[in-house]
């Protein structure tokens, strides 16, 4: 994720996003959401 975000920042600075792997970004977004759901279960159930 940090490397991909760096490529997005570089693409924004150069005003070109041809070298950004957007498919990887899509998979990363899905992975972040999945991990966030599993992590949030802990405070959700403990507080419940």
ModelCIF file with pLDDT and N, C-alpha, C, O atoms, coordinates in Angstrom:
data_MODEL
#
_entry.id   MODEL 
#
_entity.id                         1 
_entity.type                       polymer 
_entity.pdbx_number_of_molecules   1 
#
_entity_poly.entity_id                      1 
_entity_poly.type                           'polypeptide(L)' 
_entity_poly.nstd_linkage                   no 
_entity_poly.nstd_monomer                   no 
_entity_poly.pdbx_seq_one_letter_code       
;(UNK)(UNK)(UNK)(UNK)(UNK)(UNK)(UNK)(UNK)(UNK)(UNK)(UNK)(UNK)(UNK)(UNK)(UNK)(UNK)
(UNK)(UNK)(UNK)(UNK)(UNK)(UNK)(UNK)(UNK)(UNK)(UNK)(UNK)(UNK)(UNK)(UNK)(UNK)(UNK)
(UNK)(UNK)(UNK)(UNK)(UNK)(UNK)(UNK)(UNK)(UNK)(UNK)(UNK)(UNK)(UNK)(UNK)(UNK)(UNK)
;
_entity_poly.pdbx_seq_one_letter_code_can   XXXXXXXXXXXXXXXXXXXXXXXXXXXXXXXXXXXXXXXXXXXXXXXX 
_entity_poly.pdbx_strand_id                 A 
#
loop_
_entity_poly_seq.entity_id 
_entity_poly_seq.num 
_entity_poly_seq.mon_id 
_entity_poly_seq.hetero 
1 1  UNK n 
1 2  UNK n 
1 3  UNK n 
1 4  UNK n 
1 5  UNK n 
1 6  UNK n 
1 7  UNK n 
1 8  UNK n 
1 9  UNK n 
1 10 UNK n 
1 11 UNK n 
1 12 UNK n 
1 13 UNK n 
1 14 UNK n 
1 15 UNK n 
1 16 UNK n 
1 17 UNK n 
1 18 UNK n 
1 19 UNK n 
1 20 UNK n 
1 21 UNK n 
1 22 UNK n 
1 23 UNK n 
1 24 UNK n 
1 25 UNK n 
1 26 UNK n 
1 27 UNK n 
1 28 UNK n 
1 29 UNK n 
1 30 UNK n 
1 31 UNK n 
1 32 UNK n 
1 33 UNK n 
1 34 UNK n 
1 35 UNK n 
1 36 UNK n 
1 37 UNK n 
1 38 UNK n 
1 39 UNK n 
1 40 UNK n 
1 41 UNK n 
1 42 UNK n 
1 43 UNK n 
1 44 UNK n 
1 45 UNK n 
1 46 UNK n 
1 47 UNK n 
1 48 UNK n 
#
_struct_asym.id          A 
_struct_asym.entity_id   1 
#
loop_
_ma_qa_metric.id 
_ma_qa_metric.mode 
_ma_qa_metric.name 
_ma_qa_metric.software_group_id 
_ma_qa_metric.type 
1 global pLDDT . pLDDT 
2 local  pLDDT . pLDDT 
#
_ma_qa_metric_global.metric_id      1 
_ma_qa_metric_global.metric_value   89.17 
_ma_qa_metric_global.model_id       1 
_ma_qa_metric_global.ordinal_id     1 
#
loop_
_ma_qa_metric_local.label_asym_id 
_ma_qa_metric_local.label_comp_id 
_ma_qa_metric_local.label_seq_id 
_ma_qa_metric_local.metric_id 
_ma_qa_metric_local.metric_value 
_ma_qa_metric_local.model_id 
_ma_qa_metric_local.ordinal_id 
A UNK 1  2 92.00 1 1  
A UNK 2  2 92.00 1 2  
A UNK 3  2 92.00 1 3  
A UNK 4  2 89.00 1 4  
A UNK 5  2 91.00 1 5  
A UNK 6  2 89.00 1 6  
A UNK 7  2 88.00 1 7  
A UNK 8  2 89.00 1 8  
A UNK 9  2 88.00 1 9  
A UNK 10 2 86.00 1 10 
A UNK 11 2 83.00 1 11 
A UNK 12 2 84.00 1 12 
A UNK 13 2 82.00 1 13 
A UNK 14 2 79.00 1 14 
A UNK 15 2 76.00 1 15 
A UNK 16 2 78.00 1 16 
A UNK 17 2 74.00 1 17 
A UNK 18 2 75.00 1 18 
A UNK 19 2 79.00 1 19 
A UNK 20 2 84.00 1 20 
A UNK 21 2 86.00 1 21 
A UNK 22 2 85.00 1 22 
A UNK 23 2 87.00 1 23 
A UNK 24 2 87.00 1 24 
A UNK 25 2 88.00 1 25 
A UNK 26 2 87.00 1 26 
A UNK 27 2 89.00 1 27 
A UNK 28 2 92.00 1 28 
A UNK 29 2 92.00 1 29 
A UNK 30 2 90.00 1 30 
A UNK 31 2 93.00 1 31 
A UNK 32 2 94.00 1 32 
A UNK 33 2 94.00 1 33 
A UNK 34 2 93.00 1 34 
A UNK 35 2 95.00 1 35 
A UNK 36 2 95.00 1 36 
A UNK 37 2 95.00 1 37 
A UNK 38 2 95.00 1 38 
A UNK 39 2 95.00 1 39 
A UNK 40 2 96.00 1 40 
A UNK 41 2 96.00 1 41 
A UNK 42 2 96.00 1 42 
A UNK 43 2 95.00 1 43 
A UNK 44 2 96.00 1 44 
A UNK 45 2 95.00 1 45 
A UNK 46 2 95.00 1 46 
A UNK 47 2 95.00 1 47 
A UNK 48 2 94.00 1 48 
#
loop_
_atom_site.group_PDB 
_atom_site.id 
_atom_site.type_symbol 
_atom_site.label_atom_id 
_atom_site.label_alt_id 
_atom_site.label_comp_id 
_atom_site.label_asym_id 
_atom_site.label_entity_id 
_atom_site.label_seq_id 
_atom_site.pdbx_PDB_ins_code 
_atom_site.Cartn_x 
_atom_site.Cartn_y 
_atom_site.Cartn_z 
_atom_site.occupancy 
_atom_site.B_iso_or_equiv 
_atom_site.pdbx_formal_charge 
_atom_site.auth_seq_id 
_atom_site.auth_comp_id 
_atom_site.auth_asym_id 
_atom_site.auth_atom_id 
_atom_site.pdbx_PDB_model_num 
ATOM 1   N N  . UNK A 1 1  ? 0.808   -1.219 0.000   1.00 92.00 ? 1  UNK A N  1 
ATOM 2   C CA . UNK A 1 1  ? 0.000   0.000  0.000   1.00 92.00 ? 1  UNK A CA 1 
ATOM 3   C C  . UNK A 1 1  ? 0.847   1.278  0.000   1.00 92.00 ? 1  UNK A C  1 
ATOM 4   O O  . UNK A 1 1  ? 0.555   2.177  -0.790  1.00 92.00 ? 1  UNK A O  1 
ATOM 5   N N  . UNK A 1 2  ? 1.885   1.409  0.848   1.00 92.00 ? 2  UNK A N  1 
ATOM 6   C CA . UNK A 1 2  ? 2.685   2.639  0.817   1.00 92.00 ? 2  UNK A CA 1 
ATOM 7   C C  . UNK A 1 2  ? 3.321   2.898  -0.547  1.00 92.00 ? 2  UNK A C  1 
ATOM 8   O O  . UNK A 1 2  ? 3.351   4.035  -1.018  1.00 92.00 ? 2  UNK A O  1 
ATOM 9   N N  . UNK A 1 3  ? 3.826   1.844  -1.177  1.00 92.00 ? 3  UNK A N  1 
ATOM 10  C CA . UNK A 1 3  ? 4.447   2.013  -2.490  1.00 92.00 ? 3  UNK A CA 1 
ATOM 11  C C  . UNK A 1 3  ? 3.424   2.457  -3.522  1.00 92.00 ? 3  UNK A C  1 
ATOM 12  O O  . UNK A 1 3  ? 3.716   3.298  -4.372  1.00 92.00 ? 3  UNK A O  1 
ATOM 13  N N  . UNK A 1 4  ? 2.217   1.889  -3.449  1.00 89.00 ? 4  UNK A N  1 
ATOM 14  C CA . UNK A 1 4  ? 1.186   2.278  -4.413  1.00 89.00 ? 4  UNK A CA 1 
ATOM 15  C C  . UNK A 1 4  ? 0.762   3.729  -4.190  1.00 89.00 ? 4  UNK A C  1 
ATOM 16  O O  . UNK A 1 4  ? 0.591   4.480  -5.151  1.00 89.00 ? 4  UNK A O  1 
ATOM 17  N N  . UNK A 1 5  ? 0.593   4.123  -2.935  1.00 91.00 ? 5  UNK A N  1 
ATOM 18  C CA . UNK A 1 5  ? 0.228   5.510  -2.651  1.00 91.00 ? 5  UNK A CA 1 
ATOM 19  C C  . UNK A 1 5  ? 1.314   6.467  -3.127  1.00 91.00 ? 5  UNK A C  1 
ATOM 20  O O  . UNK A 1 5  ? 1.013   7.557  -3.615  1.00 91.00 ? 5  UNK A O  1 
ATOM 21  N N  . UNK A 1 6  ? 2.573   6.066  -2.989  1.00 89.00 ? 6  UNK A N  1 
ATOM 22  C CA . UNK A 1 6  ? 3.671   6.900  -3.472  1.00 89.00 ? 6  UNK A CA 1 
ATOM 23  C C  . UNK A 1 6  ? 3.599   7.075  -4.987  1.00 89.00 ? 6  UNK A C  1 
ATOM 24  O O  . UNK A 1 6  ? 3.887   8.153  -5.506  1.00 89.00 ? 6  UNK A O  1 
ATOM 25  N N  . UNK A 1 7  ? 3.215   6.012  -5.693  1.00 88.00 ? 7  UNK A N  1 
ATOM 26  C CA . UNK A 1 7  ? 3.081   6.128  -7.148  1.00 88.00 ? 7  UNK A CA 1 
ATOM 27  C C  . UNK A 1 7  ? 1.945   7.066  -7.533  1.00 88.00 ? 7  UNK A C  1 
ATOM 28  O O  . UNK A 1 7  ? 2.031   7.768  -8.541  1.00 88.00 ? 7  UNK A O  1 
ATOM 29  N N  . UNK A 1 8  ? 0.882   7.078  -6.734  1.00 89.00 ? 8  UNK A N  1 
ATOM 30  C CA . UNK A 1 8  ? -0.230  7.999  -6.999  1.00 89.00 ? 8  UNK A CA 1 
ATOM 31  C C  . UNK A 1 8  ? 0.214   9.436  -6.752  1.00 89.00 ? 8  UNK A C  1 
ATOM 32  O O  . UNK A 1 8  ? -0.105  10.327 -7.539  1.00 89.00 ? 8  UNK A O  1 
ATOM 33  N N  . UNK A 1 9  ? 0.949   9.665  -5.665  1.00 88.00 ? 9  UNK A N  1 
ATOM 34  C CA . UNK A 1 9  ? 1.453   11.002 -5.361  1.00 88.00 ? 9  UNK A CA 1 
ATOM 35  C C  . UNK A 1 9  ? 2.383   11.479 -6.466  1.00 88.00 ? 9  UNK A C  1 
ATOM 36  O O  . UNK A 1 9  ? 2.311   12.631 -6.893  1.00 88.00 ? 9  UNK A O  1 
ATOM 37  N N  . UNK A 1 10 ? 3.260   10.586 -6.929  1.00 86.00 ? 10 UNK A N  1 
ATOM 38  C CA . UNK A 1 10 ? 4.179   10.950 -8.001  1.00 86.00 ? 10 UNK A CA 1 
ATOM 39  C C  . UNK A 1 10 ? 3.425   11.247 -9.291  1.00 86.00 ? 10 UNK A C  1 
ATOM 40  O O  . UNK A 1 10 ? 3.766   12.184 -10.013 1.00 86.00 ? 10 UNK A O  1 
ATOM 41  N N  . UNK A 1 11 ? 2.408   10.454 -9.578  1.00 83.00 ? 11 UNK A N  1 
ATOM 42  C CA . UNK A 1 11 ? 1.599   10.691 -10.762 1.00 83.00 ? 11 UNK A CA 1 
ATOM 43  C C  . UNK A 1 11 ? 0.849   12.007 -10.693 1.00 83.00 ? 11 UNK A C  1 
ATOM 44  O O  . UNK A 1 11 ? 0.678   12.687 -11.705 1.00 83.00 ? 11 UNK A O  1 
ATOM 45  N N  . UNK A 1 12 ? 0.401   12.367 -9.493  1.00 84.00 ? 12 UNK A N  1 
ATOM 46  C CA . UNK A 1 12 ? -0.284  13.643 -9.315  1.00 84.00 ? 12 UNK A CA 1 
ATOM 47  C C  . UNK A 1 12 ? 0.683   14.804 -9.507  1.00 84.00 ? 12 UNK A C  1 
ATOM 48  O O  . UNK A 1 12 ? 0.330   15.816 -10.112 1.00 84.00 ? 12 UNK A O  1 
ATOM 49  N N  . UNK A 1 13 ? 1.898   14.661 -8.995  1.00 82.00 ? 13 UNK A N  1 
ATOM 50  C CA . UNK A 1 13 ? 2.894   15.726 -9.146  1.00 82.00 ? 13 UNK A CA 1 
ATOM 51  C C  . UNK A 1 13 ? 3.303   15.905 -10.600 1.00 82.00 ? 13 UNK A C  1 
ATOM 52  O O  . UNK A 1 13 ? 3.505   17.029 -11.058 1.00 82.00 ? 13 UNK A O  1 
ATOM 53  N N  . UNK A 1 14 ? 3.425   14.788 -11.334 1.00 79.00 ? 14 UNK A N  1 
ATOM 54  C CA . UNK A 1 14 ? 3.834   14.861 -12.736 1.00 79.00 ? 14 UNK A CA 1 
ATOM 55  C C  . UNK A 1 14 ? 2.667   15.080 -13.680 1.00 79.00 ? 14 UNK A C  1 
ATOM 56  O O  . UNK A 1 14 ? 2.849   15.266 -14.883 1.00 79.00 ? 14 UNK A O  1 
ATOM 57  N N  . UNK A 1 15 ? 1.459   15.055 -13.117 1.00 76.00 ? 15 UNK A N  1 
ATOM 58  C CA . UNK A 1 15 ? 0.241   15.182 -13.923 1.00 76.00 ? 15 UNK A CA 1 
ATOM 59  C C  . UNK A 1 15 ? 0.138   14.091 -14.987 1.00 76.00 ? 15 UNK A C  1 
ATOM 60  O O  . UNK A 1 15 ? -0.358  14.310 -16.092 1.00 76.00 ? 15 UNK A O  1 
ATOM 61  N N  . UNK A 1 16 ? 0.609   12.952 -14.627 1.00 78.00 ? 16 UNK A N  1 
ATOM 62  C CA . UNK A 1 16 ? 0.462   11.783 -15.491 1.00 78.00 ? 16 UNK A CA 1 
ATOM 63  C C  . UNK A 1 16 ? 0.313   10.567 -14.601 1.00 78.00 ? 16 UNK A C  1 
ATOM 64  O O  . UNK A 1 16 ? 1.074   10.387 -13.650 1.00 78.00 ? 16 UNK A O  1 
ATOM 65  N N  . UNK A 1 17 ? -0.663  9.734  -14.908 1.00 74.00 ? 17 UNK A N  1 
ATOM 66  C CA . UNK A 1 17 ? -0.943  8.563  -14.091 1.00 74.00 ? 17 UNK A CA 1 
ATOM 67  C C  . UNK A 1 17 ? -0.778  7.262  -14.885 1.00 74.00 ? 17 UNK A C  1 
ATOM 68  O O  . UNK A 1 17 ? -1.314  6.216  -14.521 1.00 74.00 ? 17 UNK A O  1 
ATOM 69  N N  . UNK A 1 18 ? -0.023  7.362  -15.975 1.00 75.00 ? 18 UNK A N  1 
ATOM 70  C CA . UNK A 1 18 ? 0.135   6.186  -16.832 1.00 75.00 ? 18 UNK A CA 1 
ATOM 71  C C  . UNK A 1 18 ? 0.864   5.054  -16.115 1.00 75.00 ? 18 UNK A C  1 
ATOM 72  O O  . UNK A 1 18 ? 0.611   3.880  -16.386 1.00 75.00 ? 18 UNK A O  1 
ATOM 73  N N  . UNK A 1 19 ? 1.770   5.407  -15.199 1.00 79.00 ? 19 UNK A N  1 
ATOM 74  C CA . UNK A 1 19 ? 2.558   4.383  -14.529 1.00 79.00 ? 19 UNK A CA 1 
ATOM 75  C C  . UNK A 1 19 ? 1.900   3.866  -13.254 1.00 79.00 ? 19 UNK A C  1 
ATOM 76  O O  . UNK A 1 19 ? 2.459   3.003  -12.577 1.00 79.00 ? 19 UNK A O  1 
ATOM 77  N N  . UNK A 1 20 ? 0.711   4.386  -12.918 1.00 84.00 ? 20 UNK A N  1 
ATOM 78  C CA . UNK A 1 20 ? 0.007   3.926  -11.716 1.00 84.00 ? 20 UNK A CA 1 
ATOM 79  C C  . UNK A 1 20 ? -0.743  2.641  -12.030 1.00 84.00 ? 20 UNK A C  1 
ATOM 80  O O  . UNK A 1 20 ? -1.477  2.571  -13.017 1.00 84.00 ? 20 UNK A O  1 
ATOM 81  N N  . UNK A 1 21 ? -0.562  1.638  -11.202 1.00 86.00 ? 21 UNK A N  1 
ATOM 82  C CA . UNK A 1 21 ? -1.251  0.357  -11.367 1.00 86.00 ? 21 UNK A CA 1 
ATOM 83  C C  . UNK A 1 21 ? -2.620  0.455  -10.707 1.00 86.00 ? 21 UNK A C  1 
ATOM 84  O O  . UNK A 1 21 ? -2.764  0.183  -9.515  1.00 86.00 ? 21 UNK A O  1 
ATOM 85  N N  . UNK A 1 22 ? -3.628  0.847  -11.491 1.00 85.00 ? 22 UNK A N  1 
ATOM 86  C CA . UNK A 1 22 ? -4.958  1.073  -10.937 1.00 85.00 ? 22 UNK A CA 1 
ATOM 87  C C  . UNK A 1 22 ? -5.630  -0.235 -10.524 1.00 85.00 ? 22 UNK A C  1 
ATOM 88  O O  . UNK A 1 22 ? -6.424  -0.252 -9.584  1.00 85.00 ? 22 UNK A O  1 
ATOM 89  N N  . UNK A 1 23 ? -5.322  -1.314 -11.210 1.00 87.00 ? 23 UNK A N  1 
ATOM 90  C CA . UNK A 1 23 ? -5.905  -2.598 -10.818 1.00 87.00 ? 23 UNK A CA 1 
ATOM 91  C C  . UNK A 1 23 ? -5.399  -3.012 -9.439  1.00 87.00 ? 23 UNK A C  1 
ATOM 92  O O  . UNK A 1 23 ? -6.153  -3.559 -8.633  1.00 87.00 ? 23 UNK A O  1 
ATOM 93  N N  . UNK A 1 24 ? -4.122  -2.749 -9.173  1.00 87.00 ? 24 UNK A N  1 
ATOM 94  C CA . UNK A 1 24 ? -3.587  -3.017 -7.845  1.00 87.00 ? 24 UNK A CA 1 
ATOM 95  C C  . UNK A 1 24 ? -4.284  -2.154 -6.803  1.00 87.00 ? 24 UNK A C  1 
ATOM 96  O O  . UNK A 1 24 ? -4.561  -2.613 -5.695  1.00 87.00 ? 24 UNK A O  1 
ATOM 97  N N  . UNK A 1 25 ? -4.566  -0.907 -7.157  1.00 88.00 ? 25 UNK A N  1 
ATOM 98  C CA . UNK A 1 25 ? -5.276  -0.024 -6.240  1.00 88.00 ? 25 UNK A CA 1 
ATOM 99  C C  . UNK A 1 25 ? -6.673  -0.525 -5.921  1.00 88.00 ? 25 UNK A C  1 
ATOM 100 O O  . UNK A 1 25 ? -7.140  -0.394 -4.790  1.00 88.00 ? 25 UNK A O  1 
ATOM 101 N N  . UNK A 1 26 ? -7.344  -1.098 -6.912  1.00 87.00 ? 26 UNK A N  1 
ATOM 102 C CA . UNK A 1 26 ? -8.666  -1.663 -6.679  1.00 87.00 ? 26 UNK A CA 1 
ATOM 103 C C  . UNK A 1 26 ? -8.593  -2.833 -5.700  1.00 87.00 ? 26 UNK A C  1 
ATOM 104 O O  . UNK A 1 26 ? -9.405  -2.932 -4.780  1.00 87.00 ? 26 UNK A O  1 
ATOM 105 N N  . UNK A 1 27 ? -7.626  -3.706 -5.902  1.00 89.00 ? 27 UNK A N  1 
ATOM 106 C CA . UNK A 1 27 ? -7.460  -4.850 -4.999  1.00 89.00 ? 27 UNK A CA 1 
ATOM 107 C C  . UNK A 1 27 ? -7.075  -4.393 -3.591  1.00 89.00 ? 27 UNK A C  1 
ATOM 108 O O  . UNK A 1 27 ? -7.500  -4.989 -2.602  1.00 89.00 ? 27 UNK A O  1 
ATOM 109 N N  . UNK A 1 28 ? -6.273  -3.341 -3.510  1.00 92.00 ? 28 UNK A N  1 
ATOM 110 C CA . UNK A 1 28 ? -5.889  -2.808 -2.204  1.00 92.00 ? 28 UNK A CA 1 
ATOM 111 C C  . UNK A 1 28 ? -7.095  -2.232 -1.468  1.00 92.00 ? 28 UNK A C  1 
ATOM 112 O O  . UNK A 1 28 ? -7.240  -2.436 -0.263  1.00 92.00 ? 28 UNK A O  1 
ATOM 113 N N  . UNK A 1 29 ? -7.949  -1.526 -2.173  1.00 92.00 ? 29 UNK A N  1 
ATOM 114 C CA . UNK A 1 29 ? -9.145  -0.957 -1.542  1.00 92.00 ? 29 UNK A CA 1 
ATOM 115 C C  . UNK A 1 29 ? -10.022 -2.063 -0.972  1.00 92.00 ? 29 UNK A C  1 
ATOM 116 O O  . UNK A 1 29 ? -10.562 -1.931 0.127   1.00 92.00 ? 29 UNK A O  1 
ATOM 117 N N  . UNK A 1 30 ? -10.162 -3.145 -1.714  1.00 90.00 ? 30 UNK A N  1 
ATOM 118 C CA . UNK A 1 30 ? -10.967 -4.269 -1.237  1.00 90.00 ? 30 UNK A CA 1 
ATOM 119 C C  . UNK A 1 30 ? -10.314 -4.934 -0.029  1.00 90.00 ? 30 UNK A C  1 
ATOM 120 O O  . UNK A 1 30 ? -11.003 -5.312 0.918   1.00 90.00 ? 30 UNK A O  1 
ATOM 121 N N  . UNK A 1 31 ? -8.991  -5.079 -0.056  1.00 93.00 ? 31 UNK A N  1 
ATOM 122 C CA . UNK A 1 31 ? -8.280  -5.701 1.057   1.00 93.00 ? 31 UNK A CA 1 
ATOM 123 C C  . UNK A 1 31 ? -8.362  -4.847 2.315   1.00 93.00 ? 31 UNK A C  1 
ATOM 124 O O  . UNK A 1 31 ? -8.537  -5.379 3.412   1.00 93.00 ? 31 UNK A O  1 
ATOM 125 N N  . UNK A 1 32 ? -8.239  -3.534 2.173   1.00 94.00 ? 32 UNK A N  1 
ATOM 126 C CA . UNK A 1 32 ? -8.327  -2.632 3.323   1.00 94.00 ? 32 UNK A CA 1 
ATOM 127 C C  . UNK A 1 32 ? -9.711  -2.732 3.966   1.00 94.00 ? 32 UNK A C  1 
ATOM 128 O O  . UNK A 1 32 ? -9.829  -2.757 5.191   1.00 94.00 ? 32 UNK A O  1 
ATOM 129 N N  . UNK A 1 33 ? -10.751 -2.789 3.140   1.00 94.00 ? 33 UNK A N  1 
ATOM 130 C CA . UNK A 1 33 ? -12.111 -2.889 3.668   1.00 94.00 ? 33 UNK A CA 1 
ATOM 131 C C  . UNK A 1 33 ? -12.305 -4.206 4.429   1.00 94.00 ? 33 UNK A C  1 
ATOM 132 O O  . UNK A 1 33 ? -12.927 -4.225 5.491   1.00 94.00 ? 33 UNK A O  1 
ATOM 133 N N  . UNK A 1 34 ? -11.779 -5.290 3.894   1.00 93.00 ? 34 UNK A N  1 
ATOM 134 C CA . UNK A 1 34 ? -11.921 -6.598 4.551   1.00 93.00 ? 34 UNK A CA 1 
ATOM 135 C C  . UNK A 1 34 ? -11.210 -6.604 5.902   1.00 93.00 ? 34 UNK A C  1 
ATOM 136 O O  . UNK A 1 34 ? -11.766 -7.067 6.898   1.00 93.00 ? 34 UNK A O  1 
ATOM 137 N N  . UNK A 1 35 ? -9.982  -6.092 5.935   1.00 95.00 ? 35 UNK A N  1 
ATOM 138 C CA . UNK A 1 35 ? -9.231  -6.049 7.184   1.00 95.00 ? 35 UNK A CA 1 
ATOM 139 C C  . UNK A 1 35 ? -9.911  -5.140 8.197   1.00 95.00 ? 35 UNK A C  1 
ATOM 140 O O  . UNK A 1 35 ? -9.962  -5.459 9.385   1.00 95.00 ? 35 UNK A O  1 
ATOM 141 N N  . UNK A 1 36 ? -10.436 -4.005 7.731   1.00 95.00 ? 36 UNK A N  1 
ATOM 142 C CA . UNK A 1 36 ? -11.121 -3.075 8.631   1.00 95.00 ? 36 UNK A CA 1 
ATOM 143 C C  . UNK A 1 36 ? -12.346 -3.729 9.273   1.00 95.00 ? 36 UNK A C  1 
ATOM 144 O O  . UNK A 1 36 ? -12.621 -3.509 10.453  1.00 95.00 ? 36 UNK A O  1 
ATOM 145 N N  . UNK A 1 37 ? -13.073 -4.525 8.506   1.00 95.00 ? 37 UNK A N  1 
ATOM 146 C CA . UNK A 1 37 ? -14.249 -5.204 9.053   1.00 95.00 ? 37 UNK A CA 1 
ATOM 147 C C  . UNK A 1 37 ? -13.845 -6.194 10.147  1.00 95.00 ? 37 UNK A C  1 
ATOM 148 O O  . UNK A 1 37 ? -14.491 -6.265 11.193  1.00 95.00 ? 37 UNK A O  1 
ATOM 149 N N  . UNK A 1 38 ? -12.791 -6.947 9.910   1.00 95.00 ? 38 UNK A N  1 
ATOM 150 C CA . UNK A 1 38 ? -12.361 -7.917 10.909  1.00 95.00 ? 38 UNK A CA 1 
ATOM 151 C C  . UNK A 1 38 ? -11.828 -7.231 12.163  1.00 95.00 ? 38 UNK A C  1 
ATOM 152 O O  . UNK A 1 38 ? -12.048 -7.709 13.276  1.00 95.00 ? 38 UNK A O  1 
ATOM 153 N N  . UNK A 1 39 ? -11.133 -6.118 11.985  1.00 95.00 ? 39 UNK A N  1 
ATOM 154 C CA . UNK A 1 39 ? -10.589 -5.400 13.140  1.00 95.00 ? 39 UNK A CA 1 
ATOM 155 C C  . UNK A 1 39 ? -11.714 -4.774 13.958  1.00 95.00 ? 39 UNK A C  1 
ATOM 156 O O  . UNK A 1 39 ? -11.674 -4.806 15.188  1.00 95.00 ? 39 UNK A O  1 
ATOM 157 N N  . UNK A 1 40 ? -12.705 -4.211 13.297  1.00 96.00 ? 40 UNK A N  1 
ATOM 158 C CA . UNK A 1 40 ? -13.779 -3.511 14.002  1.00 96.00 ? 40 UNK A CA 1 
ATOM 159 C C  . UNK A 1 40 ? -14.679 -4.447 14.797  1.00 96.00 ? 40 UNK A C  1 
ATOM 160 O O  . UNK A 1 40 ? -15.377 -4.010 15.713  1.00 96.00 ? 40 UNK A O  1 
ATOM 161 N N  . UNK A 1 41 ? -14.667 -5.732 14.452  1.00 96.00 ? 41 UNK A N  1 
ATOM 162 C CA . UNK A 1 41 ? -15.488 -6.674 15.213  1.00 96.00 ? 41 UNK A CA 1 
ATOM 163 C C  . UNK A 1 41 ? -15.053 -6.715 16.677  1.00 96.00 ? 41 UNK A C  1 
ATOM 164 O O  . UNK A 1 41 ? -15.884 -6.923 17.561  1.00 96.00 ? 41 UNK A O  1 
ATOM 165 N N  . UNK A 1 42 ? -13.771 -6.519 16.941  1.00 96.00 ? 42 UNK A N  1 
ATOM 166 C CA . UNK A 1 42 ? -13.255 -6.620 18.303  1.00 96.00 ? 42 UNK A CA 1 
ATOM 167 C C  . UNK A 1 42 ? -13.859 -5.551 19.219  1.00 96.00 ? 42 UNK A C  1 
ATOM 168 O O  . UNK A 1 42 ? -14.465 -5.906 20.230  1.00 96.00 ? 42 UNK A O  1 
ATOM 169 N N  . UNK A 1 43 ? -13.718 -4.240 18.903  1.00 95.00 ? 43 UNK A N  1 
ATOM 170 C CA . UNK A 1 43 ? -14.354 -3.249 19.780  1.00 95.00 ? 43 UNK A CA 1 
ATOM 171 C C  . UNK A 1 43 ? -15.873 -3.317 19.746  1.00 95.00 ? 43 UNK A C  1 
ATOM 172 O O  . UNK A 1 43 ? -16.533 -2.973 20.726  1.00 95.00 ? 43 UNK A O  1 
ATOM 173 N N  . UNK A 1 44 ? -16.427 -3.755 18.628  1.00 96.00 ? 44 UNK A N  1 
ATOM 174 C CA . UNK A 1 44 ? -17.885 -3.847 18.522  1.00 96.00 ? 44 UNK A CA 1 
ATOM 175 C C  . UNK A 1 44 ? -18.447 -4.879 19.490  1.00 96.00 ? 44 UNK A C  1 
ATOM 176 O O  . UNK A 1 44 ? -19.395 -4.596 20.223  1.00 96.00 ? 44 UNK A O  1 
ATOM 177 N N  . UNK A 1 45 ? -17.869 -6.069 19.496  1.00 95.00 ? 45 UNK A N  1 
ATOM 178 C CA . UNK A 1 45 ? -18.399 -7.129 20.359  1.00 95.00 ? 45 UNK A CA 1 
ATOM 179 C C  . UNK A 1 45 ? -18.007 -6.927 21.824  1.00 95.00 ? 45 UNK A C  1 
ATOM 180 O O  . UNK A 1 45 ? -18.796 -7.228 22.719  1.00 95.00 ? 45 UNK A O  1 
ATOM 181 N N  . UNK A 1 46 ? -16.795 -6.420 22.076  1.00 95.00 ? 46 UNK A N  1 
ATOM 182 C CA . UNK A 1 46 ? -16.384 -6.189 23.461  1.00 95.00 ? 46 UNK A CA 1 
ATOM 183 C C  . UNK A 1 46 ? -17.233 -5.102 24.115  1.00 95.00 ? 46 UNK A C  1 
ATOM 184 O O  . UNK A 1 46 ? -17.659 -5.247 25.261  1.00 95.00 ? 46 UNK A O  1 
ATOM 185 N N  . UNK A 1 47 ? -17.475 -4.018 23.389  1.00 95.00 ? 47 UNK A N  1 
ATOM 186 C CA . UNK A 1 47 ? -18.320 -2.948 23.938  1.00 95.00 ? 47 UNK A CA 1 
ATOM 187 C C  . UNK A 1 47 ? -19.760 -3.428 24.082  1.00 95.00 ? 47 UNK A C  1 
ATOM 188 O O  . UNK A 1 47 ? -20.467 -3.013 25.000  1.00 95.00 ? 47 UNK A O  1 
ATOM 189 N N  . UNK A 1 48 ? -20.193 -4.301 23.176  1.00 94.00 ? 48 UNK A N  1 
ATOM 190 C CA . UNK A 1 48 ? -21.538 -4.864 23.300  1.00 94.00 ? 48 UNK A CA 1 
ATOM 191 C C  . UNK A 1 48 ? -21.673 -5.750 24.521  1.00 94.00 ? 48 UNK A C  1 
ATOM 192 O O  . UNK A 1 48 ? -22.745 -6.301 24.768  1.00 94.00 ? 48 UNK A O  1 
#
